[in-house]
C-alpha cells in the first residue's frame, strides 16, 4: 500500500525521531508523495484548586522558542534528506491538532512515535498516540 500524503507528528522526542526515520523511508519509496510535519504544542497551565494560575510571559516565550527550535531542527533534517516537506507549528491539544490537520489536508497516513514528551499527564489522560489511534479514520503507524 502506497501513501501519497504522509503526516508526521513530531515533538523532538526519541520516539518521534524514530517516527521521522520511518516517515522519510515511506516518502522515499513512494514517488510523488508529499510529507507534512506537524509540531503541536501547548502553553503550560497550572491549576491551584479549581483556579488557573497565571504564568509569567517569559515562561510562555520559552515554550514557544523551544517549539520554533524543534520545527527548525526537523526542517533541517528533511532538507538534508532531499525531501520537500510542509512543516507546521500549531498550538493546541496535540491529538486534536494532528487529527484536524489530517482531515483538512486529506492525509493518507499518520506516522507518530509511541511516546512523546507528555510527562505525567500522559499517564493520567492517555497518550497522544493512543488518542490519535483511537480517533483517526485513516491508517496510523505508531513507531516504537
C-alpha atoms as a PDB file:
ATOM      1  CA  UNK A   1       0.000   0.000   0.000  1.00  0.00           C
ATOM      2  CA  UNK A   2       1.460   3.355  -1.041  1.00  0.00           C
ATOM      3  CA  UNK A   3       0.630   6.620   0.666  1.00  0.00           C
ATOM      4  CA  UNK A   4       0.857   9.882  -1.250  1.00  0.00           C
ATOM      5  CA  UNK A   5       0.207  12.251   1.684  1.00  0.00           C
ATOM      6  CA  UNK A   6       2.175  11.400   4.820  1.00  0.00           C
ATOM      7  CA  UNK A   7       1.687  13.269   8.098  1.00  0.00           C
ATOM      8  CA  UNK A   8       4.396  13.054  10.743  1.00  0.00           C
ATOM      9  CA  UNK A   9       3.515  14.125  14.281  1.00  0.00           C
ATOM     10  CA  UNK A  10       6.798  15.446  15.673  1.00  0.00           C
ATOM     11  CA  UNK A  11       7.752  16.717  19.128  1.00  0.00           C
ATOM     12  CA  UNK A  12      11.513  16.180  19.187  1.00  0.00           C
ATOM     13  CA  UNK A  13      11.368  13.139  21.482  1.00  0.00           C
ATOM     14  CA  UNK A  14      13.335   9.957  20.850  1.00  0.00           C
ATOM     15  CA  UNK A  15      10.197   8.166  19.636  1.00  0.00           C
ATOM     16  CA  UNK A  16       9.255  10.995  17.279  1.00  0.00           C
ATOM     17  CA  UNK A  17      12.786  10.964  15.832  1.00  0.00           C
ATOM     18  CA  UNK A  18      12.343   7.256  15.144  1.00  0.00           C
ATOM     19  CA  UNK A  19       8.963   8.056  13.570  1.00  0.00           C
ATOM     20  CA  UNK A  20      10.723  10.680  11.438  1.00  0.00           C
ATOM     21  CA  UNK A  21      13.064   7.998  10.075  1.00  0.00           C
ATOM     22  CA  UNK A  22      10.100   5.774   9.144  1.00  0.00           C
ATOM     23  CA  UNK A  23       8.235   8.679   7.543  1.00  0.00           C
ATOM     24  CA  UNK A  24      11.322   9.503   5.466  1.00  0.00           C
ATOM     25  CA  UNK A  25      11.501   5.877   4.325  1.00  0.00           C
ATOM     26  CA  UNK A  26       7.809   5.928   3.371  1.00  0.00           C
ATOM     27  CA  UNK A  27       8.225   9.155   1.424  1.00  0.00           C
ATOM     28  CA  UNK A  28      11.279   7.869  -0.445  1.00  0.00           C
ATOM     29  CA  UNK A  29       9.607   4.634  -1.599  1.00  0.00           C
ATOM     30  CA  UNK A  30       6.529   6.490  -2.837  1.00  0.00           C
ATOM     31  CA  UNK A  31       7.364   8.643  -5.868  1.00  0.00           C
ATOM     32  CA  UNK A  32       5.402  11.876  -5.884  1.00  0.00           C
ATOM     33  CA  UNK A  33       4.442  11.654  -2.227  1.00  0.00           C
ATOM     34  CA  UNK A  34       4.256  14.736  -0.056  1.00  0.00           C
ATOM     35  CA  UNK A  35       5.269  14.851   3.571  1.00  0.00           C
ATOM     36  CA  UNK A  36       3.614  17.045   6.144  1.00  0.00           C
ATOM     37  CA  UNK A  37       5.099  17.539   9.595  1.00  0.00           C
ATOM     38  CA  UNK A  38       3.108  18.938  12.495  1.00  0.00           C
ATOM     39  CA  UNK A  39       4.623  20.023  15.780  1.00  0.00           C
ATOM     40  CA  UNK A  40       1.721  20.721  18.119  1.00  0.00           C
ATOM     41  CA  UNK A  41       2.447  22.480  21.369  1.00  0.00           C
ATOM     42  CA  UNK A  42       0.512  23.829  24.295  1.00  0.00           C
ATOM     43  CA  UNK A  43       1.486  26.548  26.690  1.00  0.00           C
ATOM     44  CA  UNK A  44       1.730  25.170  30.227  1.00  0.00           C
ATOM     45  CA  UNK A  45      -1.221  25.661  32.544  1.00  0.00           C
ATOM     46  CA  UNK A  46      -1.128  25.355  36.301  1.00  0.00           C
ATOM     47  CA  UNK A  47      -4.159  24.881  38.459  1.00  0.00           C
ATOM     48  CA  UNK A  48      -4.377  25.693  42.146  1.00  0.00           C
ATOM     49  CA  UNK A  49      -7.513  24.023  43.372  1.00  0.00           C
ATOM     50  CA  UNK A  50     -10.082  24.977  40.763  1.00  0.00           C
ATOM     51  CA  UNK A  51      -8.354  28.192  39.702  1.00  0.00           C
ATOM     52  CA  UNK A  52      -5.982  28.644  36.792  1.00  0.00           C
ATOM     53  CA  UNK A  53      -2.744  30.262  37.985  1.00  0.00           C
ATOM     54  CA  UNK A  54      -1.271  32.826  35.579  1.00  0.00           C
ATOM     55  CA  UNK A  55       2.256  32.173  34.320  1.00  0.00           C
ATOM     56  CA  UNK A  56       4.861  34.819  33.596  1.00  0.00           C
ATOM     57  CA  UNK A  57       5.093  35.763  29.919  1.00  0.00           C
ATOM     58  CA  UNK A  58       8.743  34.667  29.953  1.00  0.00           C
ATOM     59  CA  UNK A  59       7.682  31.062  30.606  1.00  0.00           C
ATOM     60  CA  UNK A  60       5.332  31.077  27.612  1.00  0.00           C
ATOM     61  CA  UNK A  61       8.063  32.642  25.471  1.00  0.00           C
ATOM     62  CA  UNK A  62      10.477  29.865  26.465  1.00  0.00           C
ATOM     63  CA  UNK A  63       7.919  27.220  25.437  1.00  0.00           C
ATOM     64  CA  UNK A  64       7.277  28.984  22.148  1.00  0.00           C
ATOM     65  CA  UNK A  65      11.003  29.419  21.420  1.00  0.00           C
ATOM     66  CA  UNK A  66      11.565  25.711  22.079  1.00  0.00           C
ATOM     67  CA  UNK A  67       8.691  24.833  19.732  1.00  0.00           C
ATOM     68  CA  UNK A  68      10.181  27.025  16.985  1.00  0.00           C
ATOM     69  CA  UNK A  69      13.603  25.420  17.522  1.00  0.00           C
ATOM     70  CA  UNK A  70      12.038  21.944  17.251  1.00  0.00           C
ATOM     71  CA  UNK A  71      10.394  22.775  13.918  1.00  0.00           C
ATOM     72  CA  UNK A  72      13.614  24.296  12.569  1.00  0.00           C
ATOM     73  CA  UNK A  73      15.535  21.136  13.501  1.00  0.00           C
ATOM     74  CA  UNK A  74      13.104  18.863  11.667  1.00  0.00           C
ATOM     75  CA  UNK A  75      13.125  21.178   8.611  1.00  0.00           C
ATOM     76  CA  UNK A  76      16.907  20.895   8.509  1.00  0.00           C
ATOM     77  CA  UNK A  77      16.833  17.121   8.739  1.00  0.00           C
ATOM     78  CA  UNK A  78      14.277  16.842   5.940  1.00  0.00           C
ATOM     79  CA  UNK A  79      16.244  19.200   3.690  1.00  0.00           C
ATOM     80  CA  UNK A  80      19.380  17.110   4.333  1.00  0.00           C
ATOM     81  CA  UNK A  81      17.430  14.063   3.128  1.00  0.00           C
ATOM     82  CA  UNK A  82      16.409  15.935  -0.010  1.00  0.00           C
ATOM     83  CA  UNK A  83      12.736  15.934   0.911  1.00  0.00           C
ATOM     84  CA  UNK A  84      10.460  18.875   0.392  1.00  0.00           C
ATOM     85  CA  UNK A  85       8.011  18.868   3.273  1.00  0.00           C
ATOM     86  CA  UNK A  86       5.466  21.206   4.755  1.00  0.00           C
ATOM     87  CA  UNK A  87       6.413  21.789   8.387  1.00  0.00           C
ATOM     88  CA  UNK A  88       3.793  23.406  10.608  1.00  0.00           C
ATOM     89  CA  UNK A  89       3.955  24.697  14.163  1.00  0.00           C
ATOM     90  CA  UNK A  90       0.433  24.618  15.598  1.00  0.00           C
ATOM     91  CA  UNK A  91      -0.853  25.487  19.034  1.00  0.00           C
ATOM     92  CA  UNK A  92      -3.413  23.295  20.748  1.00  0.00           C
ATOM     93  CA  UNK A  93      -4.033  19.872  22.170  1.00  0.00           C
ATOM     94  CA  UNK A  94      -1.632  17.649  20.194  1.00  0.00           C
ATOM     95  CA  UNK A  95      -4.051  14.816  19.381  1.00  0.00           C
ATOM     96  CA  UNK A  96      -6.783  17.243  18.301  1.00  0.00           C
ATOM     97  CA  UNK A  97      -4.353  19.319  16.215  1.00  0.00           C
ATOM     98  CA  UNK A  98      -2.967  16.219  14.470  1.00  0.00           C
ATOM     99  CA  UNK A  99      -6.406  14.803  13.665  1.00  0.00           C
ATOM    100  CA  UNK A 100      -7.772  18.143  12.448  1.00  0.00           C
ATOM    101  CA  UNK A 101      -4.720  18.718  10.228  1.00  0.00           C
ATOM    102  CA  UNK A 102      -5.033  15.205   8.768  1.00  0.00           C
ATOM    103  CA  UNK A 103      -8.679  15.773   7.897  1.00  0.00           C
ATOM    104  CA  UNK A 104      -8.170  19.265   6.443  1.00  0.00           C
ATOM    105  CA  UNK A 105      -5.275  18.149   4.219  1.00  0.00           C
ATOM    106  CA  UNK A 106      -6.718  14.760   3.132  1.00  0.00           C
ATOM    107  CA  UNK A 107      -3.754  12.890   4.632  1.00  0.00           C
ATOM    108  CA  UNK A 108      -3.399   9.178   3.767  1.00  0.00           C
ATOM    109  CA  UNK A 109      -1.381   8.020   6.799  1.00  0.00           C
ATOM    110  CA  UNK A 110      -0.260   9.445  10.141  1.00  0.00           C
ATOM    111  CA  UNK A 111       3.183   8.482  11.468  1.00  0.00           C
ATOM    112  CA  UNK A 112       3.650   9.049  15.195  1.00  0.00           C
ATOM    113  CA  UNK A 113       6.027   7.992  17.955  1.00  0.00           C
ATOM    114  CA  UNK A 114       4.725   5.711  20.671  1.00  0.00           C
ATOM    115  CA  UNK A 115       5.822   8.029  23.487  1.00  0.00           C
ATOM    116  CA  UNK A 116       6.353  11.751  23.324  1.00  0.00           C
ATOM    117  CA  UNK A 117       7.318  14.471  25.740  1.00  0.00           C
ATOM    118  CA  UNK A 118       3.976  14.356  27.586  1.00  0.00           C
ATOM    119  CA  UNK A 119       5.258  13.652  31.095  1.00  0.00           C
ATOM    120  CA  UNK A 120       2.943  12.634  33.923  1.00  0.00           C
ATOM    121  CA  UNK A 121      -0.109  13.899  32.055  1.00  0.00           C
ATOM    122  CA  UNK A 122       0.340  11.068  29.583  1.00  0.00           C
ATOM    123  CA  UNK A 123      -0.371   8.502  32.297  1.00  0.00           C
ATOM    124  CA  UNK A 124      -3.393  10.350  33.661  1.00  0.00           C
ATOM    125  CA  UNK A 125      -5.171  11.312  30.439  1.00  0.00           C
ATOM    126  CA  UNK A 126      -3.778   8.810  27.936  1.00  0.00           C
ATOM    127  CA  UNK A 127      -1.007   9.332  25.428  1.00  0.00           C
ATOM    128  CA  UNK A 128      -1.300  11.431  22.297  1.00  0.00           C
ATOM    129  CA  UNK A 129      -0.531   8.412  20.123  1.00  0.00           C
ATOM    130  CA  UNK A 130      -3.279   6.390  21.828  1.00  0.00           C
ATOM    131  CA  UNK A 131      -5.812   9.183  21.275  1.00  0.00           C
ATOM    132  CA  UNK A 132      -4.784   9.550  17.628  1.00  0.00           C
ATOM    133  CA  UNK A 133      -5.046   5.795  17.002  1.00  0.00           C
ATOM    134  CA  UNK A 134      -8.473   5.621  18.651  1.00  0.00           C
ATOM    135  CA  UNK A 135      -9.911   8.623  16.799  1.00  0.00           C
ATOM    136  CA  UNK A 136      -8.274   8.566  13.361  1.00  0.00           C
ATOM    137  CA  UNK A 137     -10.279   7.497  10.318  1.00  0.00           C
ATOM    138  CA  UNK A 138      -7.084   6.741   8.364  1.00  0.00           C
ATOM    139  CA  UNK A 139      -4.140   4.367   8.989  1.00  0.00           C
ATOM    140  CA  UNK A 140      -1.779   5.326  11.817  1.00  0.00           C
ATOM    141  CA  UNK A 141       1.761   3.985  12.014  1.00  0.00           C
ATOM    142  CA  UNK A 142       2.955   4.042  15.640  1.00  0.00           C
ATOM    143  CA  UNK A 143       6.739   3.765  15.867  1.00  0.00           C
ATOM    144  CA  UNK A 144       8.495   2.456  18.974  1.00  0.00           C
END
